[in-house]
């Protein structure tokens, strides 16, 4: 019998993604993985009002697409986007957002 990696892979997320297994064990594992990812993704958004105010103050709000600003006002800004926009104009994100920028960084849930 030929024991290849394919024969020895256990059922779960890996089998669902790479071997296209759709047994109940693999489906359940993938469902748990997706819920975990969604939970993390939602918590990485912060209110964008301080950034919008700062961009208005330095007269750079026109550099940002109006749809993007509308999205920021509606659901907040992702911390990675906040970091990008702050650094683009020479500010550290903590200068604009304060301690809110670090939300989630020190939670046990996010520790790697």
PDB file of N, CA and C in Angstrom:
ATOM      1  N   UNK A   1       0.835  -1.176   0.000  1.00  0.00           N
ATOM      2  CA  UNK A   1       0.000   0.000   0.000  1.00  0.00           C
ATOM      3  C   UNK A   1       0.884   1.245   0.000  1.00  0.00           C
ATOM      4  N   UNK A   2       0.518   2.200  -0.806  1.00  0.00           N
ATOM      5  CA  UNK A   2       1.280   3.432  -0.936  1.00  0.00           C
ATOM      6  C   UNK A   2       0.727   4.471   0.034  1.00  0.00           C
ATOM      7  N   UNK A   3       1.492   4.816   1.073  1.00  0.00           N
ATOM      8  CA  UNK A   3       1.065   5.825   2.051  1.00  0.00           C
ATOM      9  C   UNK A   3       1.555   7.202   1.613  1.00  0.00           C
ATOM     10  N   UNK A   4       0.724   7.893   0.905  1.00  0.00           N
ATOM     11  CA  UNK A   4       1.070   9.248   0.484  1.00  0.00           C
ATOM     12  C   UNK A   4       0.502  10.236   1.485  1.00  0.00           C
ATOM     13  N   UNK A   5       0.875  11.492   1.321  1.00  0.00           N
ATOM     14  CA  UNK A   5       0.372  12.529   2.212  1.00  0.00           C
ATOM     15  C   UNK A   5      -1.147  12.616   2.123  1.00  0.00           C
ATOM     16  N   UNK A   6      -1.675  12.396   0.928  1.00  0.00           N
ATOM     17  CA  UNK A   6      -3.118  12.472   0.728  1.00  0.00           C
ATOM     18  C   UNK A   6      -3.846  11.411   1.559  1.00  0.00           C
ATOM     19  N   UNK A   7      -3.273  10.245   1.656  1.00  0.00           N
ATOM     20  CA  UNK A   7      -3.899   9.176   2.427  1.00  0.00           C
ATOM     21  C   UNK A   7      -3.824   9.429   3.926  1.00  0.00           C
ATOM     22  N   UNK A   8      -2.823  10.199   4.373  1.00  0.00           N
ATOM     23  CA  UNK A   8      -2.591  10.356   5.800  1.00  0.00           C
ATOM     24  C   UNK A   8      -3.179  11.651   6.377  1.00  0.00           C
ATOM     25  N   UNK A   9      -3.737  12.507   5.547  1.00  0.00           N
ATOM     26  CA  UNK A   9      -4.290  13.768   6.029  1.00  0.00           C
ATOM     27  C   UNK A   9      -5.542  13.523   6.866  1.00  0.00           C
ATOM     28  N   UNK A  10      -5.624  14.201   8.010  1.00  0.00           N
ATOM     29  CA  UNK A  10      -6.792  14.064   8.864  1.00  0.00           C
ATOM     30  C   UNK A  10      -7.900  14.980   8.375  1.00  0.00           C
ATOM     31  N   UNK A  11      -9.119  14.597   8.679  1.00  0.00           N
ATOM     32  CA  UNK A  11     -10.261  15.405   8.272  1.00  0.00           C
ATOM     33  C   UNK A  11     -10.322  16.677   9.113  1.00  0.00           C
ATOM     34  N   UNK A  12     -10.739  17.771   8.489  1.00  0.00           N
ATOM     35  CA  UNK A  12     -10.841  19.062   9.156  1.00  0.00           C
ATOM     36  C   UNK A  12     -10.733  20.177   8.137  1.00  0.00           C
ATOM     37  N   UNK A  13     -10.254  21.311   8.569  1.00  0.00           N
ATOM     38  CA  UNK A  13     -10.159  22.494   7.714  1.00  0.00           C
ATOM     39  C   UNK A  13      -9.253  22.234   6.513  1.00  0.00           C
ATOM     40  N   UNK A  14      -8.130  21.600   6.754  1.00  0.00           N
ATOM     41  CA  UNK A  14      -7.183  21.335   5.675  1.00  0.00           C
ATOM     42  C   UNK A  14      -7.792  20.454   4.589  1.00  0.00           C
ATOM     43  N   UNK A  15      -8.480  19.417   4.994  1.00  0.00           N
ATOM     44  CA  UNK A  15      -9.118  18.523   4.010  1.00  0.00           C
ATOM     45  C   UNK A  15     -10.212  19.272   3.249  1.00  0.00           C
ATOM     46  N   UNK A  16     -10.947  20.124   3.926  1.00  0.00           N
ATOM     47  CA  UNK A  16     -12.017  20.892   3.283  1.00  0.00           C
ATOM     48  C   UNK A  16     -11.434  21.822   2.222  1.00  0.00           C
ATOM     49  N   UNK A  17     -10.365  22.533   2.591  1.00  0.00           N
ATOM     50  CA  UNK A  17      -9.776  23.520   1.676  1.00  0.00           C
ATOM     51  C   UNK A  17      -9.015  22.899   0.521  1.00  0.00           C
ATOM     52  N   UNK A  18      -8.128  21.971   0.833  1.00  0.00           N
ATOM     53  CA  UNK A  18      -7.181  21.515  -0.175  1.00  0.00           C
ATOM     54  C   UNK A  18      -7.565  20.212  -0.868  1.00  0.00           C
ATOM     55  N   UNK A  19      -8.311  19.366  -0.201  1.00  0.00           N
ATOM     56  CA  UNK A  19      -8.692  18.080  -0.803  1.00  0.00           C
ATOM     57  C   UNK A  19     -10.157  18.040  -1.201  1.00  0.00           C
ATOM     58  N   UNK A  20     -10.858  19.157  -0.959  1.00  0.00           N
ATOM     59  CA  UNK A  20     -12.275  19.309  -1.331  1.00  0.00           C
ATOM     60  C   UNK A  20     -13.179  18.255  -0.689  1.00  0.00           C
ATOM     61  N   UNK A  21     -12.827  17.820   0.511  1.00  0.00           N
ATOM     62  CA  UNK A  21     -13.665  16.861   1.235  1.00  0.00           C
ATOM     63  C   UNK A  21     -14.870  17.596   1.813  1.00  0.00           C
ATOM     64  N   UNK A  22     -16.048  17.037   1.633  1.00  0.00           N
ATOM     65  CA  UNK A  22     -17.260  17.673   2.142  1.00  0.00           C
ATOM     66  C   UNK A  22     -18.009  16.766   3.130  1.00  0.00           C
ATOM     67  N   UNK A  23     -17.265  15.951   3.863  1.00  0.00           N
ATOM     68  CA  UNK A  23     -17.900  15.136   4.897  1.00  0.00           C
ATOM     69  C   UNK A  23     -18.332  16.063   6.038  1.00  0.00           C
ATOM     70  N   UNK A  24     -19.137  15.578   6.941  1.00  0.00           N
ATOM     71  CA  UNK A  24     -19.675  16.414   8.013  1.00  0.00           C
ATOM     72  C   UNK A  24     -18.579  16.937   8.937  1.00  0.00           C
ATOM     73  N   UNK A  25     -17.557  16.145   9.207  1.00  0.00           N
ATOM     74  CA  UNK A  25     -16.463  16.573  10.074  1.00  0.00           C
ATOM     75  C   UNK A  25     -15.741  17.782   9.461  1.00  0.00           C
ATOM     76  N   UNK A  26     -15.466  17.702   8.168  1.00  0.00           N
ATOM     77  CA  UNK A  26     -14.762  18.793   7.487  1.00  0.00           C
ATOM     78  C   UNK A  26     -15.636  20.040   7.397  1.00  0.00           C
ATOM     79  N   UNK A  27     -16.922  19.863   7.114  1.00  0.00           N
ATOM     80  CA  UNK A  27     -17.833  21.011   7.033  1.00  0.00           C
ATOM     81  C   UNK A  27     -17.942  21.713   8.384  1.00  0.00           C
ATOM     82  N   UNK A  28     -18.063  20.934   9.456  1.00  0.00           N
ATOM     83  CA  UNK A  28     -18.161  21.519  10.798  1.00  0.00           C
ATOM     84  C   UNK A  28     -16.891  22.277  11.174  1.00  0.00           C
ATOM     85  N   UNK A  29     -15.733  21.706  10.850  1.00  0.00           N
ATOM     86  CA  UNK A  29     -14.462  22.359  11.163  1.00  0.00           C
ATOM     87  C   UNK A  29     -14.333  23.675  10.400  1.00  0.00           C
ATOM     88  N   UNK A  30     -14.753  23.691   9.155  1.00  0.00           N
ATOM     89  CA  UNK A  30     -14.674  24.907   8.352  1.00  0.00           C
ATOM     90  C   UNK A  30     -15.657  25.966   8.857  1.00  0.00           C
ATOM     91  N   UNK A  31     -16.832  25.544   9.302  1.00  0.00           N
ATOM     92  CA  UNK A  31     -17.813  26.480   9.858  1.00  0.00           C
ATOM     93  C   UNK A  31     -17.252  27.165  11.102  1.00  0.00           C
ATOM     94  N   UNK A  32     -16.626  26.407  11.972  1.00  0.00           N
ATOM     95  CA  UNK A  32     -16.013  26.963  13.186  1.00  0.00           C
ATOM     96  C   UNK A  32     -14.902  27.944  12.804  1.00  0.00           C
ATOM     97  N   UNK A  33     -14.085  27.579  11.819  1.00  0.00           N
ATOM     98  CA  UNK A  33     -12.987  28.449  11.367  1.00  0.00           C
ATOM     99  C   UNK A  33     -13.521  29.766  10.814  1.00  0.00           C
ATOM    100  N   UNK A  34     -14.560  29.709  10.017  1.00  0.00           N
ATOM    101  CA  UNK A  34     -15.143  30.922   9.427  1.00  0.00           C
ATOM    102  C   UNK A  34     -15.745  31.823  10.498  1.00  0.00           C
ATOM    103  N   UNK A  35     -16.420  31.239  11.481  1.00  0.00           N
ATOM    104  CA  UNK A  35     -16.999  32.044  12.560  1.00  0.00           C
ATOM    105  C   UNK A  35     -15.907  32.740  13.358  1.00  0.00           C
ATOM    106  N   UNK A  36     -14.828  32.049  13.608  1.00  0.00           N
ATOM    107  CA  UNK A  36     -13.711  32.630  14.340  1.00  0.00           C
ATOM    108  C   UNK A  36     -13.123  33.796  13.550  1.00  0.00           C
ATOM    109  N   UNK A  37     -12.950  33.633  12.245  1.00  0.00           N
ATOM    110  CA  UNK A  37     -12.385  34.696  11.414  1.00  0.00           C
ATOM    111  C   UNK A  37     -13.313  35.914  11.391  1.00  0.00           C
ATOM    112  N   UNK A  38     -14.604  35.678  11.221  1.00  0.00           N
ATOM    113  CA  UNK A  38     -15.558  36.789  11.202  1.00  0.00           C
ATOM    114  C   UNK A  38     -15.531  37.562  12.517  1.00  0.00           C
ATOM    115  N   UNK A  39     -15.424  36.837  13.628  1.00  0.00           N
ATOM    116  CA  UNK A  39     -15.402  37.471  14.938  1.00  0.00           C
ATOM    117  C   UNK A  39     -14.174  38.377  15.070  1.00  0.00           C
ATOM    118  N   UNK A  40     -13.033  37.898  14.625  1.00  0.00           N
ATOM    119  CA  UNK A  40     -11.822  38.704  14.695  1.00  0.00           C
ATOM    120  C   UNK A  40     -11.921  39.914  13.777  1.00  0.00           C
ATOM    121  N   UNK A  41     -12.434  39.724  12.593  1.00  0.00           N
ATOM    122  CA  UNK A  41     -12.495  40.795  11.618  1.00  0.00           C
ATOM    123  C   UNK A  41     -13.380  41.939  12.102  1.00  0.00           C
ATOM    124  N   UNK A  42     -14.511  41.619  12.693  1.00  0.00           N
ATOM    125  CA  UNK A  42     -15.425  42.653  13.169  1.00  0.00           C
ATOM    126  C   UNK A  42     -14.804  43.509  14.266  1.00  0.00           C
ATOM    127  N   UNK A  43     -14.006  42.921  15.117  1.00  0.00           N
ATOM    128  CA  UNK A  43     -13.467  43.660  16.253  1.00  0.00           C
ATOM    129  C   UNK A  43     -12.300  44.555  15.885  1.00  0.00           C
ATOM    130  N   UNK A  44     -11.822  44.480  14.657  1.00  0.00           N
ATOM    131  CA  UNK A  44     -10.681  45.282  14.257  1.00  0.00           C
ATOM    132  C   UNK A  44     -11.093  46.600  13.602  1.00  0.00           C
ATOM    133  N   UNK A  45     -12.347  46.991  13.786  1.00  0.00           N
ATOM    134  CA  UNK A  45     -12.823  48.267  13.272  1.00  0.00           C
ATOM    135  C   UNK A  45     -12.957  49.259  14.422  1.00  0.00           C
ATOM    136  N   UNK A  46     -12.585  50.504  14.154  1.00  0.00           N
ATOM    137  CA  UNK A  46     -12.700  51.559  15.149  1.00  0.00           C
ATOM    138  C   UNK A  46     -13.459  52.737  14.524  1.00  0.00           C
ATOM    139  N   UNK A  47     -14.056  53.595  15.334  1.00  0.00           N
ATOM    140  CA  UNK A  47     -14.763  54.764  14.784  1.00  0.00           C
ATOM    141  C   UNK A  47     -13.800  55.667  14.005  1.00  0.00           C
ATOM    142  N   UNK A  48     -14.228  56.113  12.834  1.00  0.00           N
ATOM    143  CA  UNK A  48     -13.353  56.888  11.947  1.00  0.00           C
ATOM    144  C   UNK A  48     -13.472  58.394  12.140  1.00  0.00           C
ATOM    145  N   UNK A  49     -14.328  58.846  13.031  1.00  0.00           N
ATOM    146  CA  UNK A  49     -14.561  60.282  13.209  1.00  0.00           C
ATOM    147  C   UNK A  49     -13.286  61.095  13.477  1.00  0.00           C
ATOM    148  N   UNK A  50     -12.360  60.626  14.330  1.00  0.00           N
ATOM    149  CA  UNK A  50     -11.144  61.419  14.548  1.00  0.00           C
ATOM    150  C   UNK A  50     -10.304  61.591  13.274  1.00  0.00           C
ATOM    151  N   UNK A  51     -10.226  60.546  12.458  1.00  0.00           N
ATOM    152  CA  UNK A  51      -9.457  60.639  11.215  1.00  0.00           C
ATOM    153  C   UNK A  51     -10.126  61.589  10.228  1.00  0.00           C
ATOM    154  N   UNK A  52     -11.431  61.487  10.104  1.00  0.00           N
ATOM    155  CA  UNK A  52     -12.163  62.372   9.196  1.00  0.00           C
ATOM    156  C   UNK A  52     -11.990  63.833   9.634  1.00  0.00           C
ATOM    157  N   UNK A  53     -12.075  64.082  10.930  1.00  0.00           N
ATOM    158  CA  UNK A  53     -11.890  65.444  11.447  1.00  0.00           C
ATOM    159  C   UNK A  53     -10.478  65.955  11.156  1.00  0.00           C
ATOM    160  N   UNK A  54      -9.476  65.090  11.329  1.00  0.00           N
ATOM    161  CA  UNK A  54      -8.089  65.493  11.076  1.00  0.00           C
ATOM    162  C   UNK A  54      -7.872  65.778   9.592  1.00  0.00           C
ATOM    163  N   UNK A  55      -8.462  64.948   8.717  1.00  0.00           N
ATOM    164  CA  UNK A  55      -8.333  65.177   7.278  1.00  0.00           C
ATOM    165  C   UNK A  55      -9.017  66.479   6.862  1.00  0.00           C
ATOM    166  N   UNK A  56     -10.140  66.786   7.500  1.00  0.00           N
ATOM    167  CA  UNK A  56     -10.800  68.067   7.235  1.00  0.00           C
ATOM    168  C   UNK A  56      -9.923  69.233   7.709  1.00  0.00           C
ATOM    169  N   UNK A  57      -9.303  69.057   8.853  1.00  0.00           N
ATOM    170  CA  UNK A  57      -8.468  70.111   9.439  1.00  0.00           C
ATOM    171  C   UNK A  57      -7.266  70.425   8.547  1.00  0.00           C
ATOM    172  N   UNK A  58      -6.638  69.398   7.992  1.00  0.00           N
ATOM    173  CA  UNK A  58      -5.462  69.632   7.138  1.00  0.00           C
ATOM    174  C   UNK A  58      -5.845  69.741   5.662  1.00  0.00           C
ATOM    175  N   UNK A  59      -7.134  69.799   5.396  1.00  0.00           N
ATOM    176  CA  UNK A  59      -7.690  69.990   4.049  1.00  0.00           C
ATOM    177  C   UNK A  59      -7.245  68.919   3.057  1.00  0.00           C
ATOM    178  N   UNK A  60      -7.280  67.655   3.500  1.00  0.00           N
ATOM    179  CA  UNK A  60      -6.921  66.527   2.647  1.00  0.00           C
ATOM    180  C   UNK A  60      -8.076  65.538   2.485  1.00  0.00           C
ATOM    181  N   UNK A  61      -9.253  65.919   2.926  1.00  0.00           N
ATOM    182  CA  UNK A  61     -10.408  65.033   2.841  1.00  0.00           C
ATOM    183  C   UNK A  61     -10.761  64.722   1.382  1.00  0.00           C
ATOM    184  N   UNK A  62     -10.437  65.622   0.463  1.00  0.00           N
ATOM    185  CA  UNK A  62     -10.725  65.410  -0.953  1.00  0.00           C
ATOM    186  C   UNK A  62      -9.884  64.280  -1.549  1.00  0.00           C
ATOM    187  N   UNK A  63      -8.793  63.899  -0.870  1.00  0.00           N
ATOM    188  CA  UNK A  63      -7.944  62.804  -1.347  1.00  0.00           C
ATOM    189  C   UNK A  63      -8.605  61.438  -1.158  1.00  0.00           C
ATOM    190  N   UNK A  64      -9.630  61.386  -0.324  1.00  0.00           N
ATOM    191  CA  UNK A  64     -10.311  60.126  -0.019  1.00  0.00           C
ATOM    192  C   UNK A  64     -11.627  60.080  -0.789  1.00  0.00           C
ATOM    193  N   UNK A  65     -11.901  58.939  -1.386  1.00  0.00           N
ATOM    194  CA  UNK A  65     -13.136  58.757  -2.145  1.00  0.00           C
ATOM    195  C   UNK A  65     -14.362  58.956  -1.244  1.00  0.00           C
ATOM    196  N   UNK A  66     -15.401  59.579  -1.790  1.00  0.00           N
ATOM    197  CA  UNK A  66     -16.600  59.858  -0.985  1.00  0.00           C
ATOM    198  C   UNK A  66     -17.288  58.574  -0.522  1.00  0.00           C
ATOM    199  N   UNK A  67     -17.231  57.523  -1.324  1.00  0.00           N
ATOM    200  CA  UNK A  67     -17.799  56.229  -0.915  1.00  0.00           C
ATOM    201  C   UNK A  67     -17.053  55.636   0.264  1.00  0.00           C
ATOM    202  N   UNK A  68     -15.746  55.834   0.272  1.00  0.00           N
ATOM    203  CA  UNK A  68     -14.925  55.346   1.384  1.00  0.00           C
ATOM    204  C   UNK A  68     -15.279  56.084   2.664  1.00  0.00           C
ATOM    205  N   UNK A  69     -15.433  57.385   2.569  1.00  0.00           N
ATOM    206  CA  UNK A  69     -15.789  58.184   3.749  1.00  0.00           C
ATOM    207  C   UNK A  69     -17.163  57.772   4.270  1.00  0.00           C
ATOM    208  N   UNK A  70     -18.098  57.541   3.359  1.00  0.00           N
ATOM    209  CA  UNK A  70     -19.437  57.106   3.758  1.00  0.00           C
ATOM    210  C   UNK A  70     -19.371  55.759   4.483  1.00  0.00           C
ATOM    211  N   UNK A  71     -18.551  54.850   3.972  1.00  0.00           N
ATOM    212  CA  UNK A  71     -18.362  53.543   4.610  1.00  0.00           C
ATOM    213  C   UNK A  71     -17.729  53.691   5.991  1.00  0.00           C
ATOM    214  N   UNK A  72     -16.744  54.574   6.105  1.00  0.00           N
ATOM    215  CA  UNK A  72     -16.104  54.815   7.398  1.00  0.00           C
ATOM    216  C   UNK A  72     -17.106  55.323   8.404  1.00  0.00           C
ATOM    217  N   UNK A  73     -17.966  56.250   7.989  1.00  0.00           N
ATOM    218  CA  UNK A  73     -18.957  56.807   8.909  1.00  0.00           C
ATOM    219  C   UNK A  73     -19.985  55.769   9.317  1.00  0.00           C
ATOM    220  N   UNK A  74     -20.292  54.863   8.399  1.00  0.00           N
ATOM    221  CA  UNK A  74     -21.317  53.857   8.652  1.00  0.00           C
ATOM    222  C   UNK A  74     -20.824  52.730   9.564  1.00  0.00           C
ATOM    223  N   UNK A  75     -19.672  52.152   9.233  1.00  0.00           N
ATOM    224  CA  UNK A  75     -19.216  50.979   9.990  1.00  0.00           C
ATOM    225  C   UNK A  75     -17.865  51.131  10.666  1.00  0.00           C
ATOM    226  N   UNK A  76     -17.228  52.288  10.529  1.00  0.00           N
ATOM    227  CA  UNK A  76     -15.919  52.483  11.135  1.00  0.00           C
ATOM    228  C   UNK A  76     -14.820  52.185  10.131  1.00  0.00           C
ATOM    229  N   UNK A  77     -13.587  52.269  10.590  1.00  0.00           N
ATOM    230  CA  UNK A  77     -12.431  52.045   9.721  1.00  0.00           C
ATOM    231  C   UNK A  77     -11.610  50.888  10.266  1.00  0.00           C
ATOM    232  N   UNK A  78     -11.138  50.056   9.379  1.00  0.00           N
ATOM    233  CA  UNK A  78     -10.273  48.943   9.744  1.00  0.00           C
ATOM    234  C   UNK A  78      -8.973  49.515  10.299  1.00  0.00           C
ATOM    235  N   UNK A  79      -8.394  48.882  11.300  1.00  0.00           N
ATOM    236  CA  UNK A  79      -7.191  49.440  11.916  1.00  0.00           C
ATOM    237  C   UNK A  79      -6.023  49.498  10.931  1.00  0.00           C
ATOM    238  N   UNK A  80      -5.992  48.588   9.967  1.00  0.00           N
ATOM    239  CA  UNK A  80      -4.907  48.606   8.991  1.00  0.00           C
ATOM    240  C   UNK A  80      -5.073  49.776   8.013  1.00  0.00           C
ATOM    241  N   UNK A  81      -6.298  50.066   7.643  1.00  0.00           N
ATOM    242  CA  UNK A  81      -6.562  51.239   6.801  1.00  0.00           C
ATOM    243  C   UNK A  81      -6.288  52.516   7.579  1.00  0.00           C
ATOM    244  N   UNK A  82      -6.663  52.523   8.843  1.00  0.00           N
ATOM    245  CA  UNK A  82      -6.395  53.689   9.689  1.00  0.00           C
ATOM    246  C   UNK A  82      -4.892  53.946   9.769  1.00  0.00           C
ATOM    247  N   UNK A  83      -4.127  52.892   9.935  1.00  0.00           N
ATOM    248  CA  UNK A  83      -2.679  53.005   9.980  1.00  0.00           C
ATOM    249  C   UNK A  83      -2.148  53.585   8.671  1.00  0.00           C
ATOM    250  N   UNK A  84      -2.632  53.068   7.547  1.00  0.00           N
ATOM    251  CA  UNK A  84      -2.202  53.554   6.230  1.00  0.00           C
ATOM    252  C   UNK A  84      -2.473  55.044   6.055  1.00  0.00           C
ATOM    253  N   UNK A  85      -3.714  55.459   6.331  1.00  0.00           N
ATOM    254  CA  UNK A  85      -4.094  56.853   6.103  1.00  0.00           C
ATOM    255  C   UNK A  85      -3.385  57.806   7.054  1.00  0.00           C
ATOM    256  N   UNK A  86      -3.196  57.391   8.284  1.00  0.00           N
ATOM    257  CA  UNK A  86      -2.481  58.250   9.237  1.00  0.00           C
ATOM    258  C   UNK A  86      -1.025  58.442   8.809  1.00  0.00           C
ATOM    259  N   UNK A  87      -0.373  57.345   8.465  1.00  0.00           N
ATOM    260  CA  UNK A  87       1.036  57.436   8.080  1.00  0.00           C
ATOM    261  C   UNK A  87       1.219  58.179   6.758  1.00  0.00           C
ATOM    262  N   UNK A  88       0.238  58.089   5.890  1.00  0.00           N
ATOM    263  CA  UNK A  88       0.307  58.786   4.605  1.00  0.00           C
ATOM    264  C   UNK A  88       0.453  60.296   4.806  1.00  0.00           C
ATOM    265  N   UNK A  89      -0.158  60.818   5.851  1.00  0.00           N
ATOM    266  CA  UNK A  89      -0.095  62.253   6.107  1.00  0.00           C
ATOM    267  C   UNK A  89       0.821  62.621   7.269  1.00  0.00           C
ATOM    268  N   UNK A  90       1.658  61.681   7.691  1.00  0.00           N
ATOM    269  CA  UNK A  90       2.699  61.994   8.666  1.00  0.00           C
ATOM    270  C   UNK A  90       2.288  61.932  10.124  1.00  0.00           C
ATOM    271  N   UNK A  91       1.234  61.214  10.445  1.00  0.00           N
ATOM    272  CA  UNK A  91       0.786  61.081  11.833  1.00  0.00           C
ATOM    273  C   UNK A  91       0.882  59.625  12.269  1.00  0.00           C
ATOM    274  N   UNK A  92       1.150  59.436  13.547  1.00  0.00           N
ATOM    275  CA  UNK A  92       1.053  58.091  14.109  1.00  0.00           C
ATOM    276  C   UNK A  92      -0.418  57.862  14.433  1.00  0.00           C
ATOM    277  N   UNK A  93      -0.953  56.664  14.171  1.00  0.00           N
ATOM    278  CA  UNK A  93      -2.371  56.411  14.444  1.00  0.00           C
ATOM    279  C   UNK A  93      -2.791  56.701  15.876  1.00  0.00           C
ATOM    280  N   UNK A  94      -1.890  56.510  16.826  1.00  0.00           N
ATOM    281  CA  UNK A  94      -2.222  56.788  18.226  1.00  0.00           C
ATOM    282  C   UNK A  94      -2.419  58.284  18.467  1.00  0.00           C
ATOM    283  N   UNK A  95      -1.791  59.133  17.642  1.00  0.00           N
ATOM    284  CA  UNK A  95      -1.992  60.585  17.764  1.00  0.00           C
ATOM    285  C   UNK A  95      -3.431  60.964  17.414  1.00  0.00           C
ATOM    286  N   UNK A  96      -3.988  60.275  16.453  1.00  0.00           N
ATOM    287  CA  UNK A  96      -5.326  60.609  15.974  1.00  0.00           C
ATOM    288  C   UNK A  96      -6.406  59.849  16.733  1.00  0.00           C
ATOM    289  N   UNK A  97      -6.203  58.552  16.930  1.00  0.00           N
ATOM    290  CA  UNK A  97      -7.235  57.706  17.538  1.00  0.00           C
ATOM    291  C   UNK A  97      -7.046  57.491  19.029  1.00  0.00           C
ATOM    292  N   UNK A  98      -5.886  57.805  19.548  1.00  0.00           N
ATOM    293  CA  UNK A  98      -5.616  57.583  20.966  1.00  0.00           C
ATOM    294  C   UNK A  98      -5.554  56.087  21.281  1.00  0.00           C
ATOM    295  N   UNK A  99      -5.991  55.728  22.454  1.00  0.00           N
ATOM    296  CA  UNK A  99      -5.931  54.339  22.908  1.00  0.00           C
ATOM    297  C   UNK A  99      -6.870  53.430  22.111  1.00  0.00           C
ATOM    298  N   UNK A 100      -7.889  53.988  21.480  1.00  0.00           N
ATOM    299  CA  UNK A 100      -8.837  53.183  20.694  1.00  0.00           C
ATOM    300  C   UNK A 100      -8.139  52.440  19.560  1.00  0.00           C
ATOM    301  N   UNK A 101      -7.015  52.977  19.078  1.00  0.00           N
ATOM    302  CA  UNK A 101      -6.288  52.312  17.999  1.00  0.00           C
ATOM    303  C   UNK A 101      -5.756  50.954  18.442  1.00  0.00           C
ATOM    304  N   UNK A 102      -5.463  50.811  19.708  1.00  0.00           N
ATOM    305  CA  UNK A 102      -4.887  49.567  20.217  1.00  0.00           C
ATOM    306  C   UNK A 102      -5.935  48.576  20.713  1.00  0.00           C
ATOM    307  N   UNK A 103      -7.208  48.849  20.472  1.00  0.00           N
ATOM    308  CA  UNK A 103      -8.271  47.943  20.897  1.00  0.00           C
ATOM    309  C   UNK A 103      -8.042  46.569  20.291  1.00  0.00           C
ATOM    310  N   UNK A 104      -8.019  45.569  21.133  1.00  0.00           N
ATOM    311  CA  UNK A 104      -7.846  44.205  20.656  1.00  0.00           C
ATOM    312  C   UNK A 104      -6.414  43.731  20.631  1.00  0.00           C
ATOM    313  N   UNK A 105      -5.453  44.630  20.690  1.00  0.00           N
ATOM    314  CA  UNK A 105      -4.053  44.225  20.592  1.00  0.00           C
ATOM    315  C   UNK A 105      -3.587  43.395  21.789  1.00  0.00           C
ATOM    316  N   UNK A 106      -4.153  43.680  22.938  1.00  0.00           N
ATOM    317  CA  UNK A 106      -3.677  43.021  24.143  1.00  0.00           C
ATOM    318  C   UNK A 106      -4.689  42.022  24.717  1.00  0.00           C
ATOM    319  N   UNK A 107      -5.771  41.766  23.980  1.00  0.00           N
ATOM    320  CA  UNK A 107      -6.750  40.773  24.423  1.00  0.00           C
ATOM    321  C   UNK A 107      -6.168  39.376  24.238  1.00  0.00           C
ATOM    322  N   UNK A 108      -6.492  38.473  25.138  1.00  0.00           N
ATOM    323  CA  UNK A 108      -6.019  37.103  25.031  1.00  0.00           C
ATOM    324  C   UNK A 108      -6.495  36.454  23.741  1.00  0.00           C
ATOM    325  N   UNK A 109      -7.667  36.847  23.308  1.00  0.00           N
ATOM    326  CA  UNK A 109      -8.283  36.300  22.117  1.00  0.00           C
ATOM    327  C   UNK A 109      -7.418  36.538  20.861  1.00  0.00           C
ATOM    328  N   UNK A 110      -6.666  37.643  20.842  1.00  0.00           N
ATOM    329  CA  UNK A 110      -5.879  37.999  19.671  1.00  0.00           C
ATOM    330  C   UNK A 110      -4.418  37.599  19.808  1.00  0.00           C
ATOM    331  N   UNK A 111      -4.021  37.130  20.975  1.00  0.00           N
ATOM    332  CA  UNK A 111      -2.619  36.749  21.173  1.00  0.00           C
ATOM    333  C   UNK A 111      -2.294  35.531  20.318  1.00  0.00           C
ATOM    334  N   UNK A 112      -1.163  35.594  19.662  1.00  0.00           N
ATOM    335  CA  UNK A 112      -0.780  34.493  18.768  1.00  0.00           C
ATOM    336  C   UNK A 112       0.047  33.477  19.498  1.00  0.00           C
TER     337      UNK A 112
END
